[in-house]
C-alpha atoms as a PDB file:
ATOM      1  CA  MET A   1     -67.698  35.944 175.949  1.00  0.00           C
ATOM      2  CA  SER A   2     -70.506  38.268 176.962  1.00  0.00           C
ATOM      3  CA  GLY A   3     -68.351  41.454 177.168  1.00  0.00           C
ATOM      4  CA  PHE A   4     -68.879  44.695 175.310  1.00  0.00           C
ATOM      5  CA  SER A   5     -67.448  48.238 174.811  1.00  0.00           C
ATOM      6  CA  PHE A   6     -69.382  51.177 173.925  1.00  0.00           C
ATOM      7  CA  MET A   7     -68.781  52.503 170.484  1.00  0.00           C
ATOM      8  CA  TRP A   8     -70.943  55.503 171.396  1.00  0.00           C
ATOM      9  CA  ARG A   9     -73.031  56.503 174.443  1.00  0.00           C
ATOM     10  CA  ALA A  10     -75.578  59.074 174.848  1.00  0.00           C
ATOM     11  CA  SER A  11     -75.446  61.689 177.539  1.00  0.00           C
ATOM     12  CA  ALA A  12     -79.262  61.635 177.136  1.00  0.00           C
ATOM     13  CA  PRO A  13     -81.211  59.467 174.808  1.00  0.00           C
ATOM     14  CA  LEU A  14     -81.807  60.604 171.254  1.00  0.00           C
ATOM     15  CA  SER A  15     -84.939  60.688 169.278  1.00  0.00           C
ATOM     16  CA  ARG A  16     -85.000  59.619 165.575  1.00  0.00           C
ATOM     17  CA  ALA A  17     -84.897  63.337 164.573  1.00  0.00           C
ATOM     18  CA  ALA A  18     -81.379  63.637 166.098  1.00  0.00           C
ATOM     19  CA  VAL A  19     -79.812  60.909 164.074  1.00  0.00           C
ATOM     20  CA  ALA A  20     -78.494  61.093 160.507  1.00  0.00           C
ATOM     21  CA  VAL A  21     -76.960  58.487 158.159  1.00  0.00           C
ATOM     22  CA  ARG A  22     -74.098  58.715 155.723  1.00  0.00           C
ATOM     23  CA  PHE A  23     -74.985  55.856 153.283  1.00  0.00           C
ATOM     24  CA  ASP A  24     -72.019  54.942 151.054  1.00  0.00           C
ATOM     25  CA  ARG A  25     -70.368  51.831 149.624  1.00  0.00           C
ATOM     26  CA  LYS A  26     -67.100  52.792 151.139  1.00  0.00           C
ATOM     27  CA  PHE A  27     -68.566  51.834 154.384  1.00  0.00           C
ATOM     28  CA  ASN A  28     -68.925  48.123 153.186  1.00  0.00           C
ATOM     29  CA  ARG A  29     -66.719  45.266 154.552  1.00  0.00           C
ATOM     30  CA  ALA A  30     -63.258  45.246 152.602  1.00  0.00           C
ATOM     31  CA  ASP A  31     -62.692  42.172 150.606  1.00  0.00           C
ATOM     32  CA  HIS A  32     -60.117  39.712 152.147  1.00  0.00           C
ATOM     33  CA  PRO A  33     -57.542  38.033 149.933  1.00  0.00           C
ATOM     34  CA  THR A  34     -58.064  34.536 151.315  1.00  0.00           C
ATOM     35  CA  HIS A  35     -61.341  34.745 153.291  1.00  0.00           C
ATOM     36  CA  ASP A  36     -63.087  35.169 149.998  1.00  0.00           C
ATOM     37  CA  GLU A  37     -66.412  34.490 148.519  1.00  0.00           C
ATOM     38  CA  ALA A  38     -65.737  30.867 147.871  1.00  0.00           C
ATOM     39  CA  ARG A  39     -64.608  30.318 151.557  1.00  0.00           C
ATOM     40  CA  ILE A  40     -67.544  32.215 152.889  1.00  0.00           C
ATOM     41  CA  ALA A  41     -69.978  30.143 150.600  1.00  0.00           C
ATOM     42  CA  ARG A  42     -68.437  26.788 152.003  1.00  0.00           C
ATOM     43  CA  LEU A  43     -68.769  27.993 155.602  1.00  0.00           C
ATOM     44  CA  TRP A  44     -72.334  29.249 155.021  1.00  0.00           C
ATOM     45  CA  THR A  45     -73.338  25.811 153.716  1.00  0.00           C
ATOM     46  CA  THR A  46     -71.824  24.139 156.762  1.00  0.00           C
ATOM     47  CA  LYS A  47     -73.714  26.503 159.064  1.00  0.00           C
ATOM     48  CA  ARG A  48     -76.969  26.019 157.443  1.00  0.00           C
ATOM     49  CA  ALA A  49     -76.592  22.232 157.551  1.00  0.00           C
ATOM     50  CA  THR A  50     -76.344  22.556 161.302  1.00  0.00           C
ATOM     51  CA  ASN A  51     -79.237  25.013 161.776  1.00  0.00           C
ATOM     52  CA  PRO A  52     -81.537  25.102 158.780  1.00  0.00           C
ATOM     53  CA  ARG A  53     -83.512  27.938 160.277  1.00  0.00           C
ATOM     54  CA  LEU A  54     -80.617  30.229 159.424  1.00  0.00           C
ATOM     55  CA  TYR A  55     -81.366  32.324 156.233  1.00  0.00           C
ATOM     56  CA  ASP A  56     -79.524  35.056 154.288  1.00  0.00           C
ATOM     57  CA  ALA A  57     -80.857  38.597 153.837  1.00  0.00           C
ATOM     58  CA  PRO A  58     -79.270  42.043 153.199  1.00  0.00           C
ATOM     59  CA  LYS A  59     -78.355  44.001 156.280  1.00  0.00           C
ATOM     60  CA  PHE A  60     -76.898  47.352 157.069  1.00  0.00           C
ATOM     61  CA  ARG A  61     -73.196  47.540 158.036  1.00  0.00           C
ATOM     62  CA  LEU A  62     -72.267  50.160 160.673  1.00  0.00           C
ATOM     63  CA  ALA A  63     -68.709  51.496 160.083  1.00  0.00           C
ATOM     64  CA  ASP A  64     -68.740  54.249 162.680  1.00  0.00           C
ATOM     65  CA  ALA A  65     -70.824  56.568 164.819  1.00  0.00           C
ATOM     66  CA  THR A  66     -69.773  60.144 165.437  1.00  0.00           C
ATOM     67  CA  SER A  67     -71.506  62.688 167.903  1.00  0.00           C
ATOM     68  CA  ARG A  68     -72.717  65.892 166.165  1.00  0.00           C
ATOM     69  CA  ASP A  69     -72.611  68.924 168.490  1.00  0.00           C
ATOM     70  CA  VAL A  70     -74.223  68.045 171.825  1.00  0.00           C
ATOM     71  CA  ASP A  71     -77.376  66.460 170.721  1.00  0.00           C
ATOM     72  CA  GLY A  72     -76.859  64.554 167.435  1.00  0.00           C
ATOM     73  CA  LEU A  73     -75.309  61.560 165.868  1.00  0.00           C
ATOM     74  CA  ASP A  74     -74.003  60.654 162.510  1.00  0.00           C
ATOM     75  CA  LEU A  75     -73.873  56.952 161.529  1.00  0.00           C
ATOM     76  CA  ASP A  76     -71.554  55.827 158.633  1.00  0.00           C
ATOM     77  CA  VAL A  77     -73.571  52.981 157.078  1.00  0.00           C
ATOM     78  CA  GLY A  78     -72.825  50.483 154.209  1.00  0.00           C
ATOM     79  CA  MET A  79     -74.324  47.218 153.113  1.00  0.00           C
ATOM     80  CA  THR A  80     -73.665  43.515 154.223  1.00  0.00           C
ATOM     81  CA  SER A  81     -75.636  40.323 154.628  1.00  0.00           C
ATOM     82  CA  TYR A  82     -76.573  37.928 157.341  1.00  0.00           C
ATOM     83  CA  ARG A  83     -74.499  35.193 155.589  1.00  0.00           C
ATOM     84  CA  ASP A  84     -71.413  37.304 155.608  1.00  0.00           C
ATOM     85  CA  PHE A  85     -72.032  38.183 159.336  1.00  0.00           C
ATOM     86  CA  GLN A  86     -72.366  34.518 160.271  1.00  0.00           C
ATOM     87  CA  CYS A  87     -69.132  33.755 158.304  1.00  0.00           C
ATOM     88  CA  THR A  88     -66.881  36.562 159.407  1.00  0.00           C
ATOM     89  CA  ASN A  89     -68.012  37.867 162.856  1.00  0.00           C
ATOM     90  CA  TYR A  90     -68.996  34.254 163.819  1.00  0.00           C
ATOM     91  CA  ALA A  91     -66.204  32.482 161.991  1.00  0.00           C
ATOM     92  CA  ASP A  92     -63.956  30.273 164.197  1.00  0.00           C
ATOM     93  CA  ALA A  93     -61.787  32.078 166.759  1.00  0.00           C
ATOM     94  CA  ASP A  94     -58.554  31.571 164.834  1.00  0.00           C
ATOM     95  CA  ARG A  95     -60.103  32.924 161.607  1.00  0.00           C
ATOM     96  CA  VAL A  96     -61.571  36.050 163.379  1.00  0.00           C
ATOM     97  CA  ALA A  97     -58.257  36.759 165.037  1.00  0.00           C
ATOM     98  CA  GLU A  98     -56.650  36.657 161.549  1.00  0.00           C
ATOM     99  CA  LEU A  99     -59.225  38.940 160.001  1.00  0.00           C
ATOM    100  CA  LYS A 100     -58.881  41.442 162.775  1.00  0.00           C
ATOM    101  CA  ARG A 101     -55.027  41.205 162.511  1.00  0.00           C
ATOM    102  CA  ASP A 102     -55.126  41.721 158.850  1.00  0.00           C
ATOM    103  CA  GLY A 103     -57.649  44.565 159.042  1.00  0.00           C
ATOM    104  CA  LEU A 104     -55.476  46.467 161.463  1.00  0.00           C
ATOM    105  CA  ARG A 105     -52.417  45.901 159.428  1.00  0.00           C
ATOM    106  CA  ARG A 106     -53.739  46.755 155.976  1.00  0.00           C
ATOM    107  CA  HIS A 107     -56.445  49.266 156.650  1.00  0.00           C
ATOM    108  CA  GLY A 108     -55.722  50.566 160.293  1.00  0.00           C
ATOM    109  CA  ASN A 109     -59.014  49.185 161.402  1.00  0.00           C
ATOM    110  CA  ALA A 110     -59.423  45.627 163.070  1.00  0.00           C
ATOM    111  CA  GLN A 111     -63.104  45.589 161.875  1.00  0.00           C
ATOM    112  CA  SER A 112     -62.446  46.177 158.058  1.00  0.00           C
ATOM    113  CA  TYR A 113     -62.891  42.557 157.109  1.00  0.00           C
ATOM    114  CA  LEU A 114     -65.978  41.849 159.343  1.00  0.00           C
ATOM    115  CA  SER A 115     -69.485  42.103 158.346  1.00  0.00           C
ATOM    116  CA  ASP A 116     -70.395  44.102 161.427  1.00  0.00           C
ATOM    117  CA  ALA A 117     -74.066  43.916 160.490  1.00  0.00           C
ATOM    118  CA  LEU A 118     -75.982  46.468 162.641  1.00  0.00           C
ATOM    119  CA  GLY A 119     -77.937  44.842 165.405  1.00  0.00           C
ATOM    120  CA  VAL A 120     -80.727  46.427 167.351  1.00  0.00           C
ATOM    121  CA  SER A 121     -81.667  45.769 171.040  1.00  0.00           C
ATOM    122  CA  ALA A 122     -84.423  46.895 173.169  1.00  0.00           C
ATOM    123  CA  LEU A 123     -84.229  47.934 176.630  1.00  0.00           C
ATOM    124  CA  LEU A 124     -87.927  47.264 177.220  1.00  0.00           C
ATOM    125  CA  LEU A 125     -89.187  48.896 180.316  1.00  0.00           C
ATOM    126  CA  THR A 126     -92.693  48.199 181.745  1.00  0.00           C
ATOM    127  CA  ASP A 127     -95.074  50.971 182.734  1.00  0.00           C
ATOM    128  CA  GLY A 128     -95.585  51.631 186.294  1.00  0.00           C
ATOM    129  CA  ASP A 129     -93.601  48.800 187.817  1.00  0.00           C
ATOM    130  CA  ASP A 130     -90.381  49.684 185.932  1.00  0.00           C
ATOM    131  CA  ARG A 131     -89.126  46.155 184.920  1.00  0.00           C
ATOM    132  CA  LEU A 132     -86.616  45.425 182.184  1.00  0.00           C
ATOM    133  CA  VAL A 133     -87.824  42.549 179.980  1.00  0.00           C
ATOM    134  CA  VAL A 134     -85.410  39.864 179.067  1.00  0.00           C
ATOM    135  CA  GLN A 135     -85.691  36.525 177.290  1.00  0.00           C
ATOM    136  CA  GLN A 136     -83.615  33.367 177.231  1.00  0.00           C
ATOM    137  CA  ARG A 137     -82.539  32.574 173.628  1.00  0.00           C
ATOM    138  CA  SER A 138     -83.516  29.294 172.067  1.00  0.00           C
ATOM    139  CA  ARG A 139     -81.347  26.720 170.274  1.00  0.00           C
ATOM    140  CA  PHE A 140     -82.948  27.799 166.951  1.00  0.00           C
ATOM    141  CA  VAL A 141     -81.134  31.233 166.860  1.00  0.00           C
ATOM    142  CA  GLY A 142     -77.896  32.069 165.175  1.00  0.00           C
ATOM    143  CA  GLU A 143     -76.221  33.556 168.104  1.00  0.00           C
ATOM    144  CA  GLY A 144     -76.234  33.514 171.871  1.00  0.00           C
ATOM    145  CA  VAL A 145     -77.953  30.226 172.283  1.00  0.00           C
ATOM    146  CA  GLY A 146     -79.014  29.822 175.949  1.00  0.00           C
ATOM    147  CA  LEU A 147     -78.156  33.260 177.022  1.00  0.00           C
ATOM    148  CA  TRP A 148     -80.509  35.717 178.697  1.00  0.00           C
ATOM    149  CA  ASP A 149     -80.859  38.716 176.182  1.00  0.00           C
ATOM    150  CA  THR A 150     -82.887  41.794 175.298  1.00  0.00           C
ATOM    151  CA  PRO A 151     -85.424  41.400 172.487  1.00  0.00           C
ATOM    152  CA  GLY A 152     -83.717  42.456 169.256  1.00  0.00           C
ATOM    153  CA  GLY A 153     -82.507  41.642 165.789  1.00  0.00           C
ATOM    154  CA  HIS A 154     -81.397  43.736 162.675  1.00  0.00           C
ATOM    155  CA  ALA A 155     -82.532  46.704 160.798  1.00  0.00           C
ATOM    156  CA  GLU A 156     -83.726  45.268 157.498  1.00  0.00           C
ATOM    157  CA  PRO A 157     -82.874  46.959 154.134  1.00  0.00           C
ATOM    158  CA  LYS A 158     -85.528  45.126 152.496  1.00  0.00           C
ATOM    159  CA  ASP A 159     -88.147  46.640 154.732  1.00  0.00           C
ATOM    160  CA  VAL A 160     -87.266  50.181 153.502  1.00  0.00           C
ATOM    161  CA  VAL A 161     -90.055  51.399 151.146  1.00  0.00           C
ATOM    162  CA  GLY A 162     -88.779  51.407 147.695  1.00  0.00           C
ATOM    163  CA  TRP A 163     -86.370  48.469 148.050  1.00  0.00           C
ATOM    164  CA  ASN A 164     -85.786  46.804 144.742  1.00  0.00           C
ATOM    165  CA  ASP A 165     -83.902  43.414 144.246  1.00  0.00           C
ATOM    166  CA  ASP A 166     -82.719  44.576 140.892  1.00  0.00           C
ATOM    167  CA  ILE A 167     -81.329  48.081 141.969  1.00  0.00           C
ATOM    168  CA  ASP A 168     -78.137  48.533 143.762  1.00  0.00           C
ATOM    169  CA  PRO A 169     -79.047  50.210 147.108  1.00  0.00           C
ATOM    170  CA  PHE A 170     -76.468  52.840 146.679  1.00  0.00           C
ATOM    171  CA  GLU A 171     -77.976  53.781 143.373  1.00  0.00           C
ATOM    172  CA  ASN A 172     -81.521  53.548 144.759  1.00  0.00           C
ATOM    173  CA  GLU A 173     -83.038  57.052 145.476  1.00  0.00           C
ATOM    174  CA  ALA A 174     -85.272  55.674 148.087  1.00  0.00           C
ATOM    175  CA  PHE A 175     -82.310  55.061 150.509  1.00  0.00           C
ATOM    176  CA  SER A 176     -82.069  58.579 151.864  1.00  0.00           C
ATOM    177  CA  SER A 177     -80.712  59.282 155.390  1.00  0.00           C
ATOM    178  CA  ASP A 178     -84.277  59.911 156.833  1.00  0.00           C
ATOM    179  CA  VAL A 179     -85.621  56.628 155.392  1.00  0.00           C
ATOM    180  CA  ILE A 180     -82.682  54.497 156.735  1.00  0.00           C
ATOM    181  CA  VAL A 181     -82.994  56.204 160.238  1.00  0.00           C
ATOM    182  CA  ARG A 182     -86.752  55.392 160.145  1.00  0.00           C
ATOM    183  CA  GLU A 183     -85.962  51.895 159.471  1.00  0.00           C
ATOM    184  CA  ILE A 184     -83.445  51.481 162.261  1.00  0.00           C
ATOM    185  CA  PHE A 185     -85.748  52.941 164.756  1.00  0.00           C
ATOM    186  CA  ASP A 186     -88.851  51.078 163.437  1.00  0.00           C
ATOM    187  CA  SER A 187     -86.959  47.767 163.289  1.00  0.00           C
ATOM    188  CA  ILE A 188     -86.633  47.541 167.125  1.00  0.00           C
ATOM    189  CA  VAL A 189     -90.340  48.196 167.523  1.00  0.00           C
ATOM    190  CA  ARG A 190     -91.043  45.195 165.153  1.00  0.00           C
ATOM    191  CA  GLU A 191     -88.629  43.005 167.045  1.00  0.00           C
ATOM    192  CA  VAL A 192     -90.535  43.707 170.282  1.00  0.00           C
ATOM    193  CA  GLU A 193     -93.809  43.087 168.493  1.00  0.00           C
ATOM    194  CA  GLU A 194     -92.519  39.744 167.092  1.00  0.00           C
ATOM    195  CA  GLU A 195     -90.634  38.465 170.079  1.00  0.00           C
ATOM    196  CA  VAL A 196     -92.531  39.679 172.988  1.00  0.00           C
ATOM    197  CA  ASN A 197     -95.974  39.974 171.431  1.00  0.00           C
ATOM    198  CA  VAL A 198     -96.369  43.654 172.658  1.00  0.00           C
ATOM    199  CA  GLY A 199     -98.088  45.694 169.923  1.00  0.00           C
ATOM    200  CA  ARG A 200     -96.761  49.037 168.806  1.00  0.00           C
ATOM    201  CA  SER A 201     -99.816  50.806 170.119  1.00  0.00           C
ATOM    202  CA  LYS A 202     -98.494  49.792 173.547  1.00  0.00           C
ATOM    203  CA  LEU A 203     -95.090  51.154 172.980  1.00  0.00           C
ATOM    204  CA  ALA A 204     -93.605  54.666 173.282  1.00  0.00           C
ATOM    205  CA  ASP A 205     -91.309  55.754 170.410  1.00  0.00           C
ATOM    206  CA  PRO A 206     -87.754  54.321 170.855  1.00  0.00           C
ATOM    207  CA  LEU A 207     -84.855  56.479 171.982  1.00  0.00           C
ATOM    208  CA  LEU A 208     -81.277  55.609 171.228  1.00  0.00           C
ATOM    209  CA  GLY A 209     -79.174  55.209 174.397  1.00  0.00           C
ATOM    210  CA  GLY A 210     -75.942  53.750 172.939  1.00  0.00           C
ATOM    211  CA  ILE A 211     -74.234  51.578 170.475  1.00  0.00           C
ATOM    212  CA  ALA A 212     -72.138  48.691 171.910  1.00  0.00           C
ATOM    213  CA  ARG A 213     -69.635  46.454 170.341  1.00  0.00           C
ATOM    214  CA  GLN A 214     -70.285  42.818 171.368  1.00  0.00           C
ATOM    215  CA  GLU A 215     -67.348  40.502 172.227  1.00  0.00           C
ATOM    216  CA  MET A 216     -69.496  37.500 171.566  1.00  0.00           C
ATOM    217  CA  SER A 217     -69.605  38.471 167.823  1.00  0.00           C
ATOM    218  CA  ALA A 218     -66.212  39.822 167.307  1.00  0.00           C
ATOM    219  CA  GLY A 219     -67.307  43.528 167.872  1.00  0.00           C
ATOM    220  CA  ARG A 220     -70.425  43.545 165.900  1.00  0.00           C
ATOM    221  CA  PRO A 221     -72.329  46.789 166.800  1.00  0.00           C
ATOM    222  CA  ALA A 222     -75.733  46.808 168.379  1.00  0.00           C
ATOM    223  CA  ALA A 223     -77.954  49.861 168.689  1.00  0.00           C
ATOM    224  CA  LEU A 224     -79.392  50.005 172.292  1.00  0.00           C
ATOM    225  CA  PHE A 225     -82.901  51.520 172.327  1.00  0.00           C
ATOM    226  CA  LEU A 226     -84.968  52.545 175.490  1.00  0.00           C
ATOM    227  CA  ILE A 227     -88.619  51.615 174.859  1.00  0.00           C
ATOM    228  CA  ARG A 228     -91.316  51.907 177.448  1.00  0.00           C
ATOM    229  CA  THR A 229     -94.627  50.231 177.409  1.00  0.00           C
ATOM    230  CA  VAL A 230     -97.579  52.638 177.763  1.00  0.00           C
ATOM    231  CA  GLY A 231    -101.118  52.663 178.887  1.00  0.00           C
ATOM    232  CA  GLY A 232    -100.259  50.944 182.261  1.00  0.00           C
ATOM    233  CA  LEU A 233     -98.846  47.856 180.632  1.00  0.00           C
ATOM    234  CA  CYS A 234     -96.944  46.219 183.393  1.00  0.00           C
ATOM    235  CA  ARG A 235     -94.993  42.940 184.009  1.00  0.00           C
ATOM    236  CA  ARG A 236     -98.023  40.987 184.526  1.00  0.00           C
ATOM    237  CA  ASP A 237     -99.604  42.145 181.179  1.00  0.00           C
ATOM    238  CA  VAL A 238     -96.320  41.516 179.293  1.00  0.00           C
ATOM    239  CA  GLU A 239     -96.017  38.037 180.792  1.00  0.00           C
ATOM    240  CA  ALA A 240     -99.452  37.169 179.545  1.00  0.00           C
ATOM    241  CA  LEU A 241     -98.889  38.634 176.091  1.00  0.00           C
ATOM    242  CA  TYR A 242     -95.506  36.667 175.813  1.00  0.00           C
ATOM    243  CA  ALA A 243     -97.336  33.436 176.781  1.00  0.00           C
ATOM    244  CA  GLU A 244     -99.786  33.921 173.958  1.00  0.00           C
ATOM    245  CA  GLY A 245     -96.790  33.987 171.632  1.00  0.00           C
ATOM    246  CA  GLY A 246     -95.650  36.386 168.902  1.00  0.00           C
ATOM    247  CA  GLU A 247     -94.418  35.572 165.359  1.00  0.00           C
ATOM    248  CA  ASP A 248     -90.882  34.936 166.536  1.00  0.00           C
ATOM    249  CA  LYS A 249     -91.782  33.138 169.728  1.00  0.00           C
ATOM    250  CA  TYR A 250     -89.441  30.174 168.718  1.00  0.00           C
ATOM    251  CA  GLU A 251     -86.362  32.464 169.278  1.00  0.00           C
ATOM    252  CA  SER A 252     -86.707  32.312 172.979  1.00  0.00           C
ATOM    253  CA  THR A 253     -87.850  29.794 175.683  1.00  0.00           C
ATOM    254  CA  ASP A 254     -88.474  31.844 178.682  1.00  0.00           C
ATOM    255  CA  ILE A 255     -88.902  35.476 179.998  1.00  0.00           C
ATOM    256  CA  ARG A 256     -87.967  37.188 183.190  1.00  0.00           C
ATOM    257  CA  PHE A 257     -88.122  40.852 184.492  1.00  0.00           C
ATOM    258  CA  ILE A 258     -85.394  42.721 186.190  1.00  0.00           C
ATOM    259  CA  ALA A 259     -86.228  45.613 188.572  1.00  0.00           C
ATOM    260  CA  VAL A 260     -84.575  48.862 187.253  1.00  0.00           C
ATOM    261  CA  GLU A 261     -83.972  49.898 190.882  1.00  0.00           C
ATOM    262  CA  ASP A 262     -81.918  46.760 191.489  1.00  0.00           C
ATOM    263  CA  VAL A 263     -79.747  47.660 188.476  1.00  0.00           C
ATOM    264  CA  VAL A 264     -79.239  51.224 189.624  1.00  0.00           C
ATOM    265  CA  ALA A 265     -78.489  49.996 193.236  1.00  0.00           C
ATOM    266  CA  GLY A 266     -75.827  47.544 191.821  1.00  0.00           C
ATOM    267  CA  LYS A 267     -77.773  44.453 192.875  1.00  0.00           C
ATOM    268  CA  VAL A 268     -77.810  43.134 189.327  1.00  0.00           C
ATOM    269  CA  GLY A 269     -74.812  43.585 186.890  1.00  0.00           C
ATOM    270  CA  ALA A 270     -72.997  41.916 184.064  1.00  0.00           C
ATOM    271  CA  SER A 271     -72.969  38.088 183.835  1.00  0.00           C
ATOM    272  CA  GLU A 272     -71.643  35.385 181.716  1.00  0.00           C
ATOM    273  CA  ASP A 273     -75.297  33.992 181.567  1.00  0.00           C
ATOM    274  CA  PHE A 274     -76.310  37.294 179.816  1.00  0.00           C
ATOM    275  CA  SER A 275     -75.568  38.397 176.157  1.00  0.00           C
ATOM    276  CA  SER A 276     -73.393  41.222 175.376  1.00  0.00           C
ATOM    277  CA  PRO A 277     -76.350  43.398 174.550  1.00  0.00           C
ATOM    278  CA  LEU A 278     -77.983  42.701 177.876  1.00  0.00           C
ATOM    279  CA  ASN A 279     -74.699  43.391 179.753  1.00  0.00           C
ATOM    280  CA  ALA A 280     -74.512  46.717 177.906  1.00  0.00           C
ATOM    281  CA  ALA A 281     -78.136  47.372 178.647  1.00  0.00           C
ATOM    282  CA  LEU A 282     -77.394  47.029 182.309  1.00  0.00           C
ATOM    283  CA  ALA A 283     -74.542  49.381 182.134  1.00  0.00           C
ATOM    284  CA  LEU A 284     -76.773  52.116 180.475  1.00  0.00           C
ATOM    285  CA  LEU A 285     -79.505  51.448 183.152  1.00  0.00           C
ATOM    286  CA  SER A 286     -77.021  51.755 185.987  1.00  0.00           C
ATOM    287  CA  LYS A 287     -76.872  55.360 184.917  1.00  0.00           C
ATOM    288  CA  ILE A 288     -80.662  55.814 184.789  1.00  0.00           C
ATOM    289  CA  ASP A 289     -80.456  59.188 186.375  1.00  0.00           C
ATOM    290  CA  THR A 290     -79.125  60.523 183.057  1.00  0.00           C
ATOM    291  CA  TYR A 291     -82.419  59.481 181.294  1.00  0.00           C
END
């Protein structure tokens, strides 16, 4: 399923200065009585046997997003892991339905027992010719295999300056609101560099346009960032850079470009061939006059 719903949507895109984080362990995933550590460990072993490229790492968990005044946003952030994301949001359909049902019954929130690792997605727009860059996901990725998608991934707690494996992040003074916001915004620039091979010197600072829950991953939230290339870097240039290959070239097999004017005119819209983040991106771009 490539559907989505907006958890939050900007009336105008926000710079990093307009976003704040409340970082607290109370925003972590709740422990389920039967879908416990032992079950998750067994499921992870099975998934790794099928796709050895999968690896675990800490992730930020987004519990909620609340508008502040007219031009600000507060994010409620906890911690989770990629393993827990794969083994809750990407558990089998019956198990996901049970976790959502139990979350709603016990906590009043269907997402309580899900990892909901915060994803980041780039609405990468080329300079001058105004094209949206999309990629077809390879068989080596952990989600959305074969779908057309935006460049993206996750914000990485381990990339926060001051991360220490031996210190609980919630006790680590390095994890301030400003530092976490910086990592969330910087992470999407890294993803574009690594997947599309466009360096950060050729990218404008990202702006946050929305946060969408993805049906394909049981409502996992993805932050949608608008990023423009600069210096006249157009479709032809991006195509050439992609062909040279970035660090994470293996994550995709092809690239294509969608004219923003076609999205605004309604000629290109949601498709089952597109990922949830891409369908959400098209919904944002269809209101391009607000940007």
